[in-house]
Amino acid sequence: MFNLQSNSASSSRYSLPASAPSPPPNANQTKRSSSYLSTGFTNLSISGIGSSSSNNDLASPAGRGGEMNILDRPINKSRGVEVGLPAWAFLFSEIVSYSQTRVDSVADLEKRLSTLGRESGIRIISLHLLRAAQTSNNKDPKKEYRLIPALQFIHTQVYRYCFGKAADGLEKSVEGDDEYMLTLNNPPLTQHISIPKDLSQLSCEAFSAGIVEGVLEGLDMPARVTAHTVPTDQFPRRTVVLIKLDRSVLDREEGLGK
């Protein structure tokens, strides 16, 4: 398991080894380098001064060397592509470790993780709407404006897209009409992270909460989303993602009618 070390003076840090100084280039190397740079700038010239073969290569979808430019790839080609959980967990553990060295408290660390998740959520909903527009050949793709369908969309499709399965539960809070809860019995994102005792209040699922907040923002439903660890005997890592909606969302929902 990835061990999340506490932010103390004894924390280990990675350092890059100093590289030996490279010898100065000789005259022939300098000449070849200058010639290469000159040719490269000529081929990339906007005015089309470069050779016709180079310009044709750059204009083709495959680009130079026959490789497809990432901006020219069909946007639906990557639909359904999955990343292994070990790679996902390793990347996330490094994100947590990196963020930990740049904050002074647990609250700041959770806020930083939430901000990163929010940025991801905004991009996820943008990609979903763009794919929906291409699939339906509609310039104005269907976008959820009602609250309950939007929350069900997050509970099922967003979580399945991000983590391979839907969330375990979606409930309305009994304490207020503006609060809803997503339940995760075994959060896949943090199952390989061990929290030390001095950081017991930390919930790394703040990143997942940020994703939910970003998706809601992309659906024009501003909300404050936080993650809370609520363990049970059966699920010691059980997490509740609390969604507190902005008042404007409830006013709009009331105007649309129930």
C-alpha atoms as a PDB file:
ATOM      1  CA  MET A   1       0.000   0.000   0.000  1.00  0.00           C
ATOM      2  CA  PHE A   2       1.105   3.521  -0.620  1.00  0.00           C
ATOM      3  CA  ASN A   3       1.987   5.123   2.686  1.00  0.00           C
ATOM      4  CA  LEU A   4       1.123   8.773   3.004  1.00  0.00           C
ATOM      5  CA  GLN A   5       3.866  10.184   5.216  1.00  0.00           C
ATOM      6  CA  SER A   6       3.127  13.001   7.633  1.00  0.00           C
ATOM      7  CA  ASN A   7       4.370  16.467   6.771  1.00  0.00           C
ATOM      8  CA  SER A   8       7.302  16.704   9.152  1.00  0.00           C
ATOM      9  CA  ALA A   9      10.980  17.460   9.031  1.00  0.00           C
ATOM     10  CA  SER A  10      11.790  13.766   8.748  1.00  0.00           C
ATOM     11  CA  SER A  11       9.765  13.330   5.554  1.00  0.00           C
ATOM     12  CA  SER A  12      11.866  11.992   2.715  1.00  0.00           C
ATOM     13  CA  ARG A  13      12.085  13.975  -0.480  1.00  0.00           C
ATOM     14  CA  TYR A  14      13.275  13.079  -3.911  1.00  0.00           C
ATOM     15  CA  SER A  15      16.150  14.976  -5.458  1.00  0.00           C
ATOM     16  CA  LEU A  16      17.499  14.807  -8.963  1.00  0.00           C
ATOM     17  CA  PRO A  17      21.165  13.761  -9.242  1.00  0.00           C
ATOM     18  CA  ALA A  18      23.480  16.438 -10.480  1.00  0.00           C
ATOM     19  CA  SER A  19      24.460  15.800 -14.064  1.00  0.00           C
ATOM     20  CA  ALA A  20      28.037  16.147 -15.272  1.00  0.00           C
ATOM     21  CA  PRO A  21      28.680  19.235 -17.412  1.00  0.00           C
ATOM     22  CA  SER A  22      28.623  18.461 -21.107  1.00  0.00           C
ATOM     23  CA  PRO A  23      31.692  19.351 -23.207  1.00  0.00           C
ATOM     24  CA  PRO A  24      31.400  22.409 -25.441  1.00  0.00           C
ATOM     25  CA  PRO A  25      30.266  21.609 -28.984  1.00  0.00           C
ATOM     26  CA  ASN A  26      32.800  21.769 -31.754  1.00  0.00           C
ATOM     27  CA  ALA A  27      32.418  23.840 -34.879  1.00  0.00           C
ATOM     28  CA  ASN A  28      30.854  21.037 -36.952  1.00  0.00           C
ATOM     29  CA  GLN A  29      28.174  20.311 -34.318  1.00  0.00           C
ATOM     30  CA  THR A  30      27.322  24.007 -34.073  1.00  0.00           C
ATOM     31  CA  LYS A  31      26.999  24.247 -37.834  1.00  0.00           C
ATOM     32  CA  ARG A  32      24.726  21.183 -38.033  1.00  0.00           C
ATOM     33  CA  SER A  33      22.553  22.475 -35.186  1.00  0.00           C
ATOM     34  CA  SER A  34      22.209  25.877 -36.814  1.00  0.00           C
ATOM     35  CA  SER A  35      21.293  24.269 -40.119  1.00  0.00           C
ATOM     36  CA  TYR A  36      18.653  22.073 -38.457  1.00  0.00           C
ATOM     37  CA  LEU A  37      17.042  25.013 -36.644  1.00  0.00           C
ATOM     38  CA  SER A  38      16.996  27.049 -39.827  1.00  0.00           C
ATOM     39  CA  THR A  39      15.276  24.229 -41.730  1.00  0.00           C
ATOM     40  CA  GLY A  40      12.776  23.679 -38.936  1.00  0.00           C
ATOM     41  CA  PHE A  41      11.725  27.330 -38.830  1.00  0.00           C
ATOM     42  CA  THR A  42      11.425  27.375 -42.621  1.00  0.00           C
ATOM     43  CA  ASN A  43       9.112  24.349 -42.649  1.00  0.00           C
ATOM     44  CA  LEU A  44       6.909  25.830 -39.918  1.00  0.00           C
ATOM     45  CA  SER A  45       6.701  29.257 -41.525  1.00  0.00           C
ATOM     46  CA  ILE A  46       3.133  30.563 -41.744  1.00  0.00           C
ATOM     47  CA  SER A  47       3.830  32.252 -45.054  1.00  0.00           C
ATOM     48  CA  GLY A  48       4.535  28.889 -46.687  1.00  0.00           C
ATOM     49  CA  ILE A  49       8.168  29.556 -47.585  1.00  0.00           C
ATOM     50  CA  GLY A  50       9.165  25.952 -46.747  1.00  0.00           C
ATOM     51  CA  SER A  51       9.375  23.113 -49.231  1.00  0.00           C
ATOM     52  CA  SER A  52       6.136  21.789 -50.694  1.00  0.00           C
ATOM     53  CA  SER A  53       6.669  18.270 -49.396  1.00  0.00           C
ATOM     54  CA  SER A  54       7.085  19.491 -45.818  1.00  0.00           C
ATOM     55  CA  ASN A  55       4.023  21.701 -46.068  1.00  0.00           C
ATOM     56  CA  ASN A  56       1.959  18.827 -47.409  1.00  0.00           C
ATOM     57  CA  ASP A  57       3.086  16.611 -44.544  1.00  0.00           C
ATOM     58  CA  LEU A  58       2.117  19.246 -42.004  1.00  0.00           C
ATOM     59  CA  ALA A  59      -1.243  19.818 -43.651  1.00  0.00           C
ATOM     60  CA  SER A  60      -2.177  16.144 -43.666  1.00  0.00           C
ATOM     61  CA  PRO A  61      -4.107  14.695 -40.704  1.00  0.00           C
ATOM     62  CA  ALA A  62      -1.311  12.207 -40.068  1.00  0.00           C
ATOM     63  CA  GLY A  63       1.302  14.943 -39.864  1.00  0.00           C
ATOM     64  CA  ARG A  64       5.011  14.393 -40.269  1.00  0.00           C
ATOM     65  CA  GLY A  65       6.123  10.791 -40.017  1.00  0.00           C
ATOM     66  CA  GLY A  66       2.600   9.424 -40.510  1.00  0.00           C
ATOM     67  CA  GLU A  67       1.575   9.883 -36.862  1.00  0.00           C
ATOM     68  CA  MET A  68      -1.914  11.182 -36.100  1.00  0.00           C
ATOM     69  CA  ASN A  69      -1.943  14.496 -34.265  1.00  0.00           C
ATOM     70  CA  ILE A  70      -3.865  14.237 -30.997  1.00  0.00           C
ATOM     71  CA  LEU A  71      -6.065  17.173 -32.031  1.00  0.00           C
ATOM     72  CA  ASP A  72      -7.063  15.336 -35.227  1.00  0.00           C
ATOM     73  CA  ARG A  73      -8.132  12.116 -33.536  1.00  0.00           C
ATOM     74  CA  PRO A  74     -11.853  11.293 -33.502  1.00  0.00           C
ATOM     75  CA  ILE A  75     -13.123  12.347 -30.102  1.00  0.00           C
ATOM     76  CA  ASN A  76     -15.227   9.198 -29.713  1.00  0.00           C
ATOM     77  CA  LYS A  77     -12.303   6.872 -30.458  1.00  0.00           C
ATOM     78  CA  SER A  78     -11.152   6.907 -26.830  1.00  0.00           C
ATOM     79  CA  ARG A  79     -14.638   6.209 -25.467  1.00  0.00           C
ATOM     80  CA  GLY A  80     -14.542   3.180 -23.202  1.00  0.00           C
ATOM     81  CA  VAL A  81     -10.750   3.164 -22.862  1.00  0.00           C
ATOM     82  CA  GLU A  82      -9.827   2.116 -19.337  1.00  0.00           C
ATOM     83  CA  VAL A  83      -6.759   2.722 -17.190  1.00  0.00           C
ATOM     84  CA  GLY A  84      -5.645   0.052 -14.741  1.00  0.00           C
ATOM     85  CA  LEU A  85      -6.412   0.717 -11.085  1.00  0.00           C
ATOM     86  CA  PRO A  86      -2.745   0.293  -9.998  1.00  0.00           C
ATOM     87  CA  ALA A  87      -1.669   3.046 -12.407  1.00  0.00           C
ATOM     88  CA  TRP A  88      -4.574   5.245 -11.303  1.00  0.00           C
ATOM     89  CA  ALA A  89      -3.787   4.681  -7.617  1.00  0.00           C
ATOM     90  CA  PHE A  90      -0.058   5.286  -8.088  1.00  0.00           C
ATOM     91  CA  LEU A  91      -0.666   8.560  -9.927  1.00  0.00           C
ATOM     92  CA  PHE A  92      -3.115   9.734  -7.282  1.00  0.00           C
ATOM     93  CA  SER A  93      -0.778   8.829  -4.418  1.00  0.00           C
ATOM     94  CA  GLU A  94       1.914  10.949  -6.055  1.00  0.00           C
ATOM     95  CA  ILE A  95      -0.562  13.819  -6.392  1.00  0.00           C
ATOM     96  CA  VAL A  96      -1.298  13.573  -2.670  1.00  0.00           C
ATOM     97  CA  SER A  97       2.395  13.396  -1.748  1.00  0.00           C
ATOM     98  CA  TYR A  98       3.208  16.360  -3.977  1.00  0.00           C
ATOM     99  CA  SER A  99       0.345  18.420  -2.564  1.00  0.00           C
ATOM    100  CA  GLN A 100       1.263  17.524   1.003  1.00  0.00           C
ATOM    101  CA  THR A 101       4.657  19.230   0.708  1.00  0.00           C
ATOM    102  CA  ARG A 102       2.990  22.497  -0.285  1.00  0.00           C
ATOM    103  CA  VAL A 103       0.422  22.946   2.477  1.00  0.00           C
ATOM    104  CA  ASP A 104       0.541  23.584   6.213  1.00  0.00           C
ATOM    105  CA  SER A 105      -2.628  21.884   7.433  1.00  0.00           C
ATOM    106  CA  VAL A 106      -5.074  19.081   6.700  1.00  0.00           C
ATOM    107  CA  ALA A 107      -7.731  21.597   5.650  1.00  0.00           C
ATOM    108  CA  ASP A 108      -5.370  23.155   3.101  1.00  0.00           C
ATOM    109  CA  LEU A 109      -4.468  19.725   1.715  1.00  0.00           C
ATOM    110  CA  GLU A 110      -8.118  18.773   1.280  1.00  0.00           C
ATOM    111  CA  LYS A 111      -8.808  22.129  -0.361  1.00  0.00           C
ATOM    112  CA  ARG A 112      -5.948  21.597  -2.793  1.00  0.00           C
ATOM    113  CA  LEU A 113      -7.160  18.091  -3.695  1.00  0.00           C
ATOM    114  CA  SER A 114     -10.700  19.404  -4.106  1.00  0.00           C
ATOM    115  CA  THR A 115      -9.485  22.135  -6.451  1.00  0.00           C
ATOM    116  CA  LEU A 116      -7.641  19.604  -8.617  1.00  0.00           C
ATOM    117  CA  GLY A 117     -10.736  17.392  -8.708  1.00  0.00           C
ATOM    118  CA  ARG A 118     -12.963  20.333  -9.609  1.00  0.00           C
ATOM    119  CA  GLU A 119     -10.793  21.161 -12.617  1.00  0.00           C
ATOM    120  CA  SER A 120     -11.029  17.522 -13.708  1.00  0.00           C
ATOM    121  CA  GLY A 121     -14.807  17.518 -13.272  1.00  0.00           C
ATOM    122  CA  ILE A 122     -15.234  20.586 -15.471  1.00  0.00           C
ATOM    123  CA  ARG A 123     -13.272  18.865 -18.237  1.00  0.00           C
ATOM    124  CA  ILE A 124     -15.183  15.610 -17.815  1.00  0.00           C
ATOM    125  CA  ILE A 125     -18.589  17.231 -18.328  1.00  0.00           C
ATOM    126  CA  SER A 126     -17.257  19.305 -21.237  1.00  0.00           C
ATOM    127  CA  LEU A 127     -15.977  16.136 -22.928  1.00  0.00           C
ATOM    128  CA  HIS A 128     -19.282  14.362 -22.297  1.00  0.00           C
ATOM    129  CA  LEU A 129     -21.309  17.176 -23.858  1.00  0.00           C
ATOM    130  CA  LEU A 130     -18.961  17.367 -26.851  1.00  0.00           C
ATOM    131  CA  ARG A 131     -19.211  13.639 -27.462  1.00  0.00           C
ATOM    132  CA  ALA A 132     -22.979  13.811 -27.122  1.00  0.00           C
ATOM    133  CA  ALA A 133     -23.074  16.586 -29.716  1.00  0.00           C
ATOM    134  CA  GLN A 134     -21.072  14.534 -32.214  1.00  0.00           C
ATOM    135  CA  THR A 135     -23.056  11.371 -31.601  1.00  0.00           C
ATOM    136  CA  SER A 136     -26.458  13.010 -32.012  1.00  0.00           C
ATOM    137  CA  ASN A 137     -25.314  15.432 -34.742  1.00  0.00           C
ATOM    138  CA  ASN A 138     -26.891  18.166 -32.691  1.00  0.00           C
ATOM    139  CA  LYS A 139     -25.210  21.529 -32.139  1.00  0.00           C
ATOM    140  CA  ASP A 140     -26.976  21.858 -28.792  1.00  0.00           C
ATOM    141  CA  PRO A 141     -26.468  18.520 -26.984  1.00  0.00           C
ATOM    142  CA  LYS A 142     -28.838  17.428 -24.279  1.00  0.00           C
ATOM    143  CA  LYS A 143     -27.861  18.929 -20.955  1.00  0.00           C
ATOM    144  CA  GLU A 144     -29.494  18.058 -17.671  1.00  0.00           C
ATOM    145  CA  TYR A 145     -31.262  21.067 -16.172  1.00  0.00           C
ATOM    146  CA  ARG A 146     -33.293  19.226 -13.554  1.00  0.00           C
ATOM    147  CA  LEU A 147     -31.665  18.491 -10.220  1.00  0.00           C
ATOM    148  CA  ILE A 148     -32.551  14.831  -9.638  1.00  0.00           C
ATOM    149  CA  PRO A 149     -31.627  13.634 -13.168  1.00  0.00           C
ATOM    150  CA  ALA A 150     -28.332  15.536 -12.867  1.00  0.00           C
ATOM    151  CA  LEU A 151     -27.510  13.868  -9.544  1.00  0.00           C
ATOM    152  CA  GLN A 152     -28.451  10.466 -10.965  1.00  0.00           C
ATOM    153  CA  PHE A 153     -26.189  11.171 -13.939  1.00  0.00           C
ATOM    154  CA  ILE A 154     -23.280  11.854 -11.564  1.00  0.00           C
ATOM    155  CA  HIS A 155     -24.107   8.834  -9.375  1.00  0.00           C
ATOM    156  CA  THR A 156     -24.130   6.446 -12.324  1.00  0.00           C
ATOM    157  CA  GLN A 157     -22.396   7.695 -15.456  1.00  0.00           C
ATOM    158  CA  VAL A 158     -19.750  10.022 -14.035  1.00  0.00           C
ATOM    159  CA  TYR A 159     -18.605   7.592 -11.350  1.00  0.00           C
ATOM    160  CA  ARG A 160     -18.622   4.704 -13.806  1.00  0.00           C
ATOM    161  CA  TYR A 161     -16.597   6.769 -16.266  1.00  0.00           C
ATOM    162  CA  CYS A 162     -14.042   7.790 -13.612  1.00  0.00           C
ATOM    163  CA  PHE A 163     -13.836   4.721 -11.384  1.00  0.00           C
ATOM    164  CA  GLY A 164     -15.347   1.840 -13.340  1.00  0.00           C
ATOM    165  CA  LYS A 165     -18.509   1.530 -11.257  1.00  0.00           C
ATOM    166  CA  ALA A 166     -21.425   3.625 -10.035  1.00  0.00           C
ATOM    167  CA  ALA A 167     -21.558   5.094  -6.550  1.00  0.00           C
ATOM    168  CA  ASP A 168     -23.170   2.883  -3.916  1.00  0.00           C
ATOM    169  CA  GLY A 169     -25.930   5.268  -2.898  1.00  0.00           C
ATOM    170  CA  LEU A 170     -27.648   8.596  -3.516  1.00  0.00           C
ATOM    171  CA  GLU A 171     -29.726  10.044  -0.701  1.00  0.00           C
ATOM    172  CA  LYS A 172     -31.375  13.297   0.267  1.00  0.00           C
ATOM    173  CA  SER A 173     -30.344  14.713   3.606  1.00  0.00           C
ATOM    174  CA  VAL A 174     -32.997  14.968   6.299  1.00  0.00           C
ATOM    175  CA  GLU A 175     -31.374  18.122   7.666  1.00  0.00           C
ATOM    176  CA  GLY A 176     -32.099  20.380   4.695  1.00  0.00           C
ATOM    177  CA  ASP A 177     -33.624  20.499   1.222  1.00  0.00           C
ATOM    178  CA  ASP A 178     -30.350  21.760  -0.221  1.00  0.00           C
ATOM    179  CA  GLU A 179     -28.236  18.755   0.820  1.00  0.00           C
ATOM    180  CA  TYR A 180     -27.737  15.429  -0.955  1.00  0.00           C
ATOM    181  CA  MET A 181     -25.294  12.614  -0.249  1.00  0.00           C
ATOM    182  CA  LEU A 182     -23.368  10.191  -2.451  1.00  0.00           C
ATOM    183  CA  THR A 183     -22.157   7.076  -0.627  1.00  0.00           C
ATOM    184  CA  LEU A 184     -19.009   5.093  -1.464  1.00  0.00           C
ATOM    185  CA  ASN A 185     -18.584   1.909   0.560  1.00  0.00           C
ATOM    186  CA  ASN A 186     -15.147   1.031  -0.839  1.00  0.00           C
ATOM    187  CA  PRO A 187     -13.680   4.090  -2.571  1.00  0.00           C
ATOM    188  CA  PRO A 188     -11.382   2.683  -5.284  1.00  0.00           C
ATOM    189  CA  LEU A 189      -9.272   5.809  -5.520  1.00  0.00           C
ATOM    190  CA  THR A 190      -7.940   5.736  -1.970  1.00  0.00           C
ATOM    191  CA  GLN A 191      -7.896   2.031  -1.150  1.00  0.00           C
ATOM    192  CA  HIS A 192      -4.104   1.918  -1.580  1.00  0.00           C
ATOM    193  CA  ILE A 193      -3.391   4.966   0.600  1.00  0.00           C
ATOM    194  CA  SER A 194      -2.584   4.550   4.270  1.00  0.00           C
ATOM    195  CA  ILE A 195      -3.326   7.590   6.428  1.00  0.00           C
ATOM    196  CA  PRO A 196      -0.988   8.090   9.429  1.00  0.00           C
ATOM    197  CA  LYS A 197      -2.465   8.731  12.855  1.00  0.00           C
ATOM    198  CA  ASP A 198      -1.406  12.377  12.980  1.00  0.00           C
ATOM    199  CA  LEU A 199      -3.441  12.988   9.789  1.00  0.00           C
ATOM    200  CA  SER A 200      -6.457  10.927  10.825  1.00  0.00           C
ATOM    201  CA  GLN A 201      -8.854  13.759   9.922  1.00  0.00           C
ATOM    202  CA  LEU A 202      -7.664  13.780   6.297  1.00  0.00           C
ATOM    203  CA  SER A 203     -10.038  12.524   3.602  1.00  0.00           C
ATOM    204  CA  CYS A 204      -8.254  12.080   0.279  1.00  0.00           C
ATOM    205  CA  GLU A 205     -11.678  11.586  -1.291  1.00  0.00           C
ATOM    206  CA  ALA A 206     -11.775  15.388  -1.373  1.00  0.00           C
ATOM    207  CA  PHE A 207     -10.520  14.865  -4.927  1.00  0.00           C
ATOM    208  CA  SER A 208     -13.671  12.876  -5.793  1.00  0.00           C
ATOM    209  CA  ALA A 209     -15.793  15.549  -4.135  1.00  0.00           C
ATOM    210  CA  GLY A 210     -14.051  18.119  -6.322  1.00  0.00           C
ATOM    211  CA  ILE A 211     -14.946  16.106  -9.433  1.00  0.00           C
ATOM    212  CA  VAL A 212     -18.618  16.164  -8.413  1.00  0.00           C
ATOM    213  CA  GLU A 213     -18.424  19.910  -7.770  1.00  0.00           C
ATOM    214  CA  GLY A 214     -16.846  20.510 -11.188  1.00  0.00           C
ATOM    215  CA  VAL A 215     -19.491  18.455 -13.003  1.00  0.00           C
ATOM    216  CA  LEU A 216     -22.283  20.321 -11.205  1.00  0.00           C
ATOM    217  CA  GLU A 217     -20.650  23.617 -12.124  1.00  0.00           C
ATOM    218  CA  GLY A 218     -20.556  22.515 -15.762  1.00  0.00           C
ATOM    219  CA  LEU A 219     -24.285  21.780 -15.511  1.00  0.00           C
ATOM    220  CA  ASP A 220     -24.943  25.276 -14.102  1.00  0.00           C
ATOM    221  CA  MET A 221     -25.700  23.909 -10.644  1.00  0.00           C
ATOM    222  CA  PRO A 222     -23.233  25.574  -8.274  1.00  0.00           C
ATOM    223  CA  ALA A 223     -22.680  23.676  -5.044  1.00  0.00           C
ATOM    224  CA  ARG A 224     -20.207  23.144  -2.244  1.00  0.00           C
ATOM    225  CA  VAL A 225     -19.119  19.504  -2.187  1.00  0.00           C
ATOM    226  CA  THR A 226     -17.092  17.910   0.618  1.00  0.00           C
ATOM    227  CA  ALA A 227     -16.020  14.362   1.487  1.00  0.00           C
ATOM    228  CA  HIS A 228     -16.391  12.801   4.935  1.00  0.00           C
ATOM    229  CA  THR A 229     -15.207   9.423   6.184  1.00  0.00           C
ATOM    230  CA  VAL A 230     -18.073   7.607   7.916  1.00  0.00           C
ATOM    231  CA  PRO A 231     -16.749   4.105   8.683  1.00  0.00           C
ATOM    232  CA  THR A 232     -18.880   1.127   9.603  1.00  0.00           C
ATOM    233  CA  ASP A 233     -17.966  -2.345  10.822  1.00  0.00           C
ATOM    234  CA  GLN A 234     -18.575  -3.749   7.358  1.00  0.00           C
ATOM    235  CA  PHE A 235     -17.020  -0.857   5.410  1.00  0.00           C
ATOM    236  CA  PRO A 236     -14.184   0.795   7.374  1.00  0.00           C
ATOM    237  CA  ARG A 237     -13.366   3.134   4.446  1.00  0.00           C
ATOM    238  CA  ARG A 238     -16.944   4.202   3.761  1.00  0.00           C
ATOM    239  CA  THR A 239     -17.070   7.783   2.494  1.00  0.00           C
ATOM    240  CA  VAL A 240     -19.998  10.173   2.166  1.00  0.00           C
ATOM    241  CA  VAL A 241     -19.775  12.960  -0.416  1.00  0.00           C
ATOM    242  CA  LEU A 242     -21.978  15.783   0.858  1.00  0.00           C
ATOM    243  CA  ILE A 243     -23.483  18.090  -1.785  1.00  0.00           C
ATOM    244  CA  LYS A 244     -24.767  21.429  -0.497  1.00  0.00           C
ATOM    245  CA  LEU A 245     -26.518  23.203  -3.357  1.00  0.00           C
ATOM    246  CA  ASP A 246     -26.586  26.914  -3.947  1.00  0.00           C
ATOM    247  CA  ARG A 247     -29.934  28.559  -3.293  1.00  0.00           C
ATOM    248  CA  SER A 248     -30.236  29.570  -6.947  1.00  0.00           C
ATOM    249  CA  VAL A 249     -30.414  25.893  -7.938  1.00  0.00           C
ATOM    250  CA  LEU A 250     -33.389  25.279  -5.654  1.00  0.00           C
ATOM    251  CA  ASP A 251     -35.137  28.437  -6.875  1.00  0.00           C
ATOM    252  CA  ARG A 252     -34.724  27.331 -10.485  1.00  0.00           C
ATOM    253  CA  GLU A 253     -35.960  23.832  -9.648  1.00  0.00           C
ATOM    254  CA  GLU A 254     -39.022  25.314  -7.988  1.00  0.00           C
ATOM    255  CA  GLY A 255     -39.663  27.506 -11.015  1.00  0.00           C
ATOM    256  CA  LEU A 256     -39.463  24.524 -13.376  1.00  0.00           C
ATOM    257  CA  GLY A 257     -41.977  22.635 -11.255  1.00  0.00           C
ATOM    258  CA  LYS A 258     -41.618  19.265  -9.597  1.00  0.00           C
END
